[in-house]
Structures are given as C-alpha cells and as structure tokens.
PDB file of N, CA and C in Angstrom:
ATOM      1  N   UNK A   1      97.889 -80.448 -40.429  1.00  0.00           N
ATOM      2  CA  UNK A   1      96.893 -80.689 -40.137  1.00  0.00           C
ATOM      3  C   UNK A   1      96.675 -81.435 -39.409  1.00  0.00           C
ATOM      4  N   UNK A   2      95.147 -82.056 -38.730  1.00  0.00           N
ATOM      5  CA  UNK A   2      94.785 -82.550 -37.869  1.00  0.00           C
ATOM      6  C   UNK A   2      94.422 -83.884 -38.738  1.00  0.00           C
ATOM      7  N   UNK A   3      93.921 -85.303 -37.852  1.00  0.00           N
ATOM      8  CA  UNK A   3      93.530 -86.649 -38.105  1.00  0.00           C
ATOM      9  C   UNK A   3      92.531 -86.629 -38.125  1.00  0.00           C
ATOM     10  N   UNK A   4      91.474 -85.229 -37.586  1.00  0.00           N
ATOM     11  CA  UNK A   4      89.984 -85.580 -38.490  1.00  0.00           C
ATOM     12  C   UNK A   4      89.789 -84.799 -39.632  1.00  0.00           C
ATOM     13  N   UNK A   5      91.018 -83.415 -39.671  1.00  0.00           N
ATOM     14  CA  UNK A   5      90.846 -83.275 -41.058  1.00  0.00           C
ATOM     15  C   UNK A   5      90.981 -84.312 -42.749  1.00  0.00           C
ATOM     16  N   UNK A   6      92.111 -85.122 -42.073  1.00  0.00           N
ATOM     17  CA  UNK A   6      92.828 -85.857 -43.098  1.00  0.00           C
ATOM     18  C   UNK A   6      91.652 -86.653 -43.226  1.00  0.00           C
ATOM     19  N   UNK A   7      91.146 -87.150 -42.478  1.00  0.00           N
ATOM     20  CA  UNK A   7      90.256 -88.021 -42.769  1.00  0.00           C
ATOM     21  C   UNK A   7      89.084 -88.023 -43.760  1.00  0.00           C
ATOM     22  N   UNK A   8      89.138 -86.696 -43.732  1.00  0.00           N
ATOM     23  CA  UNK A   8      87.180 -85.811 -44.304  1.00  0.00           C
ATOM     24  C   UNK A   8      87.935 -86.131 -46.084  1.00  0.00           C
ATOM     25  N   UNK A   9      88.779 -86.488 -46.272  1.00  0.00           N
ATOM     26  CA  UNK A   9      89.087 -86.844 -47.774  1.00  0.00           C
ATOM     27  C   UNK A   9      88.567 -88.329 -48.106  1.00  0.00           C
ATOM     28  N   UNK A  10      88.186 -88.224 -49.495  1.00  0.00           N
ATOM     29  CA  UNK A  10      87.576 -89.282 -49.863  1.00  0.00           C
ATOM     30  C   UNK A  10      88.591 -90.202 -50.217  1.00  0.00           C
ATOM     31  N   UNK A  11      89.889 -89.763 -50.801  1.00  0.00           N
ATOM     32  CA  UNK A  11      90.887 -90.133 -51.523  1.00  0.00           C
ATOM     33  C   UNK A  11      91.876 -90.675 -50.529  1.00  0.00           C
ATOM     34  N   UNK A  12      91.746 -90.456 -49.156  1.00  0.00           N
ATOM     35  CA  UNK A  12      92.404 -90.942 -48.178  1.00  0.00           C
ATOM     36  C   UNK A  12      92.114 -91.995 -47.314  1.00  0.00           C
ATOM     37  N   UNK A  13      91.002 -91.824 -47.506  1.00  0.00           N
ATOM     38  CA  UNK A  13      89.749 -92.509 -47.133  1.00  0.00           C
ATOM     39  C   UNK A  13      89.700 -94.202 -48.266  1.00  0.00           C
ATOM     40  N   UNK A  14      89.794 -94.194 -49.013  1.00  0.00           N
ATOM     41  CA  UNK A  14      90.129 -94.683 -50.232  1.00  0.00           C
ATOM     42  C   UNK A  14      91.541 -95.888 -50.393  1.00  0.00           C
ATOM     43  N   UNK A  15      92.833 -94.623 -49.933  1.00  0.00           N
ATOM     44  CA  UNK A  15      93.597 -95.534 -49.965  1.00  0.00           C
ATOM     45  C   UNK A  15      93.997 -95.915 -48.552  1.00  0.00           C
ATOM     46  N   UNK A  16      93.262 -95.767 -47.309  1.00  0.00           N
ATOM     47  CA  UNK A  16      93.348 -96.557 -46.308  1.00  0.00           C
ATOM     48  C   UNK A  16      92.949 -98.030 -46.415  1.00  0.00           C
ATOM     49  N   UNK A  17      91.517 -97.804 -47.185  1.00  0.00           N
ATOM     50  CA  UNK A  17      91.106 -98.724 -47.399  1.00  0.00           C
ATOM     51  C   UNK A  17      91.339 -99.976 -48.267  1.00  0.00           C
ATOM     52  N   UNK A  18      92.605 -99.241 -49.416  1.00  0.00           N
ATOM     53  CA  UNK A  18      92.996 -99.954 -50.267  1.00  0.00           C
ATOM     54  C   UNK A  18      94.521-100.850 -50.034  1.00  0.00           C
ATOM     55  N   UNK A  19      94.667-100.345 -48.473  1.00  0.00           N
ATOM     56  CA  UNK A  19      96.227-100.350 -47.765  1.00  0.00           C
ATOM     57  C   UNK A  19      95.766-101.429 -46.856  1.00  0.00           C
ATOM     58  N   UNK A  20      94.645-101.180 -46.293  1.00  0.00           N
ATOM     59  CA  UNK A  20      93.946-102.179 -45.619  1.00  0.00           C
ATOM     60  C   UNK A  20      94.108-104.170 -46.044  1.00  0.00           C
ATOM     61  N   UNK A  21      93.028-103.820 -47.601  1.00  0.00           N
ATOM     62  CA  UNK A  21      93.011-104.842 -48.677  1.00  0.00           C
ATOM     63  C   UNK A  21      94.168-105.158 -48.622  1.00  0.00           C
ATOM     64  N   UNK A  22      95.412-104.465 -49.415  1.00  0.00           N
ATOM     65  CA  UNK A  22      96.851-104.980 -49.484  1.00  0.00           C
ATOM     66  C   UNK A  22      97.880-105.899 -48.356  1.00  0.00           C
ATOM     67  N   UNK A  23      97.608-105.727 -46.857  1.00  0.00           N
ATOM     68  CA  UNK A  23      97.786-105.937 -45.673  1.00  0.00           C
ATOM     69  C   UNK A  23      97.116-107.041 -45.892  1.00  0.00           C
ATOM     70  N   UNK A  24      96.220-107.733 -46.142  1.00  0.00           N
ATOM     71  CA  UNK A  24      94.899-108.526 -45.533  1.00  0.00           C
ATOM     72  C   UNK A  24      95.526-109.817 -46.311  1.00  0.00           C
ATOM     73  N   UNK A  25      95.573-108.864 -47.889  1.00  0.00           N
ATOM     74  CA  UNK A  25      96.689-110.009 -49.198  1.00  0.00           C
ATOM     75  C   UNK A  25      97.687-110.711 -48.594  1.00  0.00           C
ATOM     76  N   UNK A  26      98.950-110.179 -48.054  1.00  0.00           N
ATOM     77  CA  UNK A  26      99.935-110.329 -47.700  1.00  0.00           C
ATOM     78  C   UNK A  26     100.259-111.261 -46.734  1.00  0.00           C
ATOM     79  N   UNK A  27      99.016-111.136 -46.261  1.00  0.00           N
ATOM     80  CA  UNK A  27      99.069-112.010 -44.638  1.00  0.00           C
ATOM     81  C   UNK A  27      98.707-113.235 -44.238  1.00  0.00           C
ATOM     82  N   UNK A  28      97.484-113.161 -45.044  1.00  0.00           N
ATOM     83  CA  UNK A  28      96.099-114.275 -44.884  1.00  0.00           C
ATOM     84  C   UNK A  28      95.919-115.014 -45.573  1.00  0.00           C
ATOM     85  N   UNK A  29      96.222-115.866 -45.769  1.00  0.00           N
ATOM     86  CA  UNK A  29      96.454-117.641 -46.667  1.00  0.00           C
ATOM     87  C   UNK A  29      94.671-117.084 -46.872  1.00  0.00           C
ATOM     88  N   UNK A  30      93.314-116.902 -45.839  1.00  0.00           N
ATOM     89  CA  UNK A  30      92.393-117.031 -46.402  1.00  0.00           C
ATOM     90  C   UNK A  30      91.723-116.013 -47.748  1.00  0.00           C
ATOM     91  N   UNK A  31      92.663-114.548 -47.746  1.00  0.00           N
ATOM     92  CA  UNK A  31      92.636-114.214 -48.229  1.00  0.00           C
ATOM     93  C   UNK A  31      93.222-114.084 -50.156  1.00  0.00           C
ATOM     94  N   UNK A  32      94.115-114.595 -49.739  1.00  0.00           N
ATOM     95  CA  UNK A  32      94.908-115.344 -50.696  1.00  0.00           C
ATOM     96  C   UNK A  32      94.758-116.055 -51.802  1.00  0.00           C
ATOM     97  N   UNK A  33      94.076-116.921 -51.055  1.00  0.00           N
ATOM     98  CA  UNK A  33      93.043-118.129 -51.543  1.00  0.00           C
ATOM     99  C   UNK A  33      91.944-117.423 -52.363  1.00  0.00           C
ATOM    100  N   UNK A  34      91.578-116.105 -52.031  1.00  0.00           N
ATOM    101  CA  UNK A  34      90.496-115.755 -52.448  1.00  0.00           C
ATOM    102  C   UNK A  34      91.027-114.779 -54.067  1.00  0.00           C
ATOM    103  N   UNK A  35      91.464-114.704 -53.942  1.00  0.00           N
ATOM    104  CA  UNK A  35      91.836-113.775 -55.016  1.00  0.00           C
ATOM    105  C   UNK A  35      92.925-114.311 -56.134  1.00  0.00           C
ATOM    106  N   UNK A  36      92.576-114.108 -57.191  1.00  0.00           N
ATOM    107  CA  UNK A  36      93.376-115.099 -58.190  1.00  0.00           C
ATOM    108  C   UNK A  36      94.414-114.154 -58.824  1.00  0.00           C
ATOM    109  N   UNK A  37      95.714-114.622 -58.441  1.00  0.00           N
ATOM    110  CA  UNK A  37      96.380-114.091 -59.209  1.00  0.00           C
ATOM    111  C   UNK A  37      96.285-113.165 -60.931  1.00  0.00           C
ATOM    112  N   UNK A  38      95.226-113.608 -61.681  1.00  0.00           N
ATOM    113  CA  UNK A  38      95.014-113.813 -62.751  1.00  0.00           C
ATOM    114  C   UNK A  38      94.488-112.344 -62.764  1.00  0.00           C
ATOM    115  N   UNK A  39      93.511-111.992 -61.593  1.00  0.00           N
ATOM    116  CA  UNK A  39      92.936-110.657 -61.209  1.00  0.00           C
ATOM    117  C   UNK A  39      93.775-109.499 -60.642  1.00  0.00           C
ATOM    118  N   UNK A  40      94.823-109.341 -60.581  1.00  0.00           N
ATOM    119  CA  UNK A  40      95.723-108.289 -60.310  1.00  0.00           C
ATOM    120  C   UNK A  40      96.039-106.695 -61.418  1.00  0.00           C
ATOM    121  N   UNK A  41      96.096-107.771 -62.460  1.00  0.00           N
ATOM    122  CA  UNK A  41      96.054-106.069 -63.389  1.00  0.00           C
ATOM    123  C   UNK A  41      94.586-105.793 -63.787  1.00  0.00           C
ATOM    124  N   UNK A  42      93.283-106.609 -63.421  1.00  0.00           N
ATOM    125  CA  UNK A  42      92.466-105.831 -63.039  1.00  0.00           C
ATOM    126  C   UNK A  42      91.855-105.122 -62.468  1.00  0.00           C
ATOM    127  N   UNK A  43      92.431-105.492 -60.855  1.00  0.00           N
ATOM    128  CA  UNK A  43      92.104-105.079 -59.674  1.00  0.00           C
ATOM    129  C   UNK A  43      92.984-103.448 -59.756  1.00  0.00           C
ATOM    130  N   UNK A  44      93.832-103.507 -60.330  1.00  0.00           N
ATOM    131  CA  UNK A  44      95.014-101.715 -60.903  1.00  0.00           C
ATOM    132  C   UNK A  44      94.530-101.075 -61.570  1.00  0.00           C
ATOM    133  N   UNK A  45      93.810-102.030 -62.935  1.00  0.00           N
ATOM    134  CA  UNK A  45      92.712-100.944 -63.414  1.00  0.00           C
ATOM    135  C   UNK A  45      91.888-100.115 -62.516  1.00  0.00           C
ATOM    136  N   UNK A  46      91.172-100.960 -61.680  1.00  0.00           N
ATOM    137  CA  UNK A  46      90.088-100.427 -60.864  1.00  0.00           C
ATOM    138  C   UNK A  46      89.995 -99.301 -60.068  1.00  0.00           C
ATOM    139  N   UNK A  47      91.608 -99.756 -59.585  1.00  0.00           N
ATOM    140  CA  UNK A  47      91.958 -98.932 -58.751  1.00  0.00           C
ATOM    141  C   UNK A  47      92.394 -97.406 -59.196  1.00  0.00           C
ATOM    142  N   UNK A  48      92.489 -97.931 -60.358  1.00  0.00           N
ATOM    143  CA  UNK A  48      93.278 -96.649 -61.367  1.00  0.00           C
ATOM    144  C   UNK A  48      92.098 -95.446 -61.773  1.00  0.00           C
ATOM    145  N   UNK A  49      90.710 -96.021 -62.496  1.00  0.00           N
ATOM    146  CA  UNK A  49      89.989 -95.612 -62.354  1.00  0.00           C
ATOM    147  C   UNK A  49      88.895 -94.580 -60.806  1.00  0.00           C
ATOM    148  N   UNK A  50      88.996 -95.232 -60.052  1.00  0.00           N
ATOM    149  CA  UNK A  50      88.392 -95.085 -58.699  1.00  0.00           C
ATOM    150  C   UNK A  50      89.378 -93.731 -58.148  1.00  0.00           C
ATOM    151  N   UNK A  51      90.868 -94.265 -58.409  1.00  0.00           N
ATOM    152  CA  UNK A  51      92.094 -92.913 -58.423  1.00  0.00           C
ATOM    153  C   UNK A  51      91.303 -91.469 -58.929  1.00  0.00           C
ATOM    154  N   UNK A  52      90.832 -91.404 -60.070  1.00  0.00           N
ATOM    155  CA  UNK A  52      90.954 -90.586 -61.330  1.00  0.00           C
ATOM    156  C   UNK A  52      89.683 -90.270 -60.711  1.00  0.00           C
ATOM    157  N   UNK A  53      88.326 -91.022 -60.325  1.00  0.00           N
ATOM    158  CA  UNK A  53      87.003 -90.546 -59.952  1.00  0.00           C
ATOM    159  C   UNK A  53      86.975 -89.362 -58.938  1.00  0.00           C
ATOM    160  N   UNK A  54      88.251 -90.075 -58.028  1.00  0.00           N
ATOM    161  CA  UNK A  54      87.802 -89.389 -56.763  1.00  0.00           C
ATOM    162  C   UNK A  54      88.768 -87.772 -56.698  1.00  0.00           C
ATOM    163  N   UNK A  55      89.323 -87.683 -57.890  1.00  0.00           N
ATOM    164  CA  UNK A  55      90.321 -86.428 -58.447  1.00  0.00           C
ATOM    165  C   UNK A  55      89.272 -85.550 -58.723  1.00  0.00           C
ATOM    166  N   UNK A  56      88.736 -86.490 -59.366  1.00  0.00           N
ATOM    167  CA  UNK A  56      87.799 -85.362 -60.165  1.00  0.00           C
ATOM    168  C   UNK A  56      86.393 -84.752 -59.182  1.00  0.00           C
ATOM    169  N   UNK A  57      86.129 -85.014 -58.589  1.00  0.00           N
ATOM    170  CA  UNK A  57      84.846 -84.817 -57.381  1.00  0.00           C
ATOM    171  C   UNK A  57      86.215 -84.396 -56.263  1.00  0.00           C
ATOM    172  N   UNK A  58      86.877 -84.130 -55.978  1.00  0.00           N
ATOM    173  CA  UNK A  58      87.835 -83.403 -54.695  1.00  0.00           C
ATOM    174  C   UNK A  58      87.929 -81.705 -55.881  1.00  0.00           C
ATOM    175  N   UNK A  59      87.117 -81.149 -54.515  1.00  0.00           N
ATOM    176  CA  UNK A  59      87.014 -79.520 -54.791  1.00  0.00           C
ATOM    177  C   UNK A  59      87.721 -78.482 -54.439  1.00  0.00           C
ATOM    178  N   UNK A  60      88.056 -79.392 -53.469  1.00  0.00           N
ATOM    179  CA  UNK A  60      88.756 -77.925 -52.586  1.00  0.00           C
ATOM    180  C   UNK A  60      90.004 -79.024 -51.338  1.00  0.00           C
ATOM    181  N   UNK A  61      90.840 -77.858 -51.380  1.00  0.00           N
ATOM    182  CA  UNK A  61      92.279 -78.772 -50.403  1.00  0.00           C
ATOM    183  C   UNK A  61      90.986 -79.309 -48.873  1.00  0.00           C
ATOM    184  N   UNK A  62      92.060 -80.003 -48.178  1.00  0.00           N
ATOM    185  CA  UNK A  62      91.609 -80.276 -46.779  1.00  0.00           C
ATOM    186  C   UNK A  62      91.760 -79.355 -46.416  1.00  0.00           C
ATOM    187  N   UNK A  63      92.603 -78.179 -45.871  1.00  0.00           N
ATOM    188  CA  UNK A  63      92.432 -77.135 -45.098  1.00  0.00           C
ATOM    189  C   UNK A  63      91.288 -76.802 -45.080  1.00  0.00           C
ATOM    190  N   UNK A  64      90.226 -77.183 -46.090  1.00  0.00           N
ATOM    191  CA  UNK A  64      89.375 -75.952 -46.293  1.00  0.00           C
ATOM    192  C   UNK A  64      86.970 -76.721 -45.250  1.00  0.00           C
ATOM    193  N   UNK A  65      88.546 -78.316 -45.446  1.00  0.00           N
ATOM    194  CA  UNK A  65      87.228 -78.942 -44.455  1.00  0.00           C
ATOM    195  C   UNK A  65      87.269 -78.462 -43.368  1.00  0.00           C
TER     196      UNK A  65
END
C-alpha cells in the first residue's frame, strides 16, 4: 500500500492529527497549560465518538481507493 492511498483514509488522517496533538501536549509547555487535565476524560470520549463515526462512514478498503 502506498502512502498516497494511506492518507486517503479519514481514520488514518484523524489518527495522524490526534498523534500530533498528543506530541504537542507532552512536549510544549504552552499546550500543556491550555488543556486542563480535568478535560482528559471528555477528550477521550470525543475521540471515541469520532472514531466510531469515521468507522460508520468508511465504506471501502484502502486498496480500492
């Protein structure tokens, strides 16, 4: 599978964005101050809903894109 096909996936794109935010949260003090640790539970629930929604709209395998 090529990288071009891989990045046609909404789920993969969301995971990449989520990973970028996670990296920023752990390494950048400005981002750490912006996100209240009390919100982590809500953020986790939102991520779960988005992943579920992405799975619902996924209709074909990447090999067919």
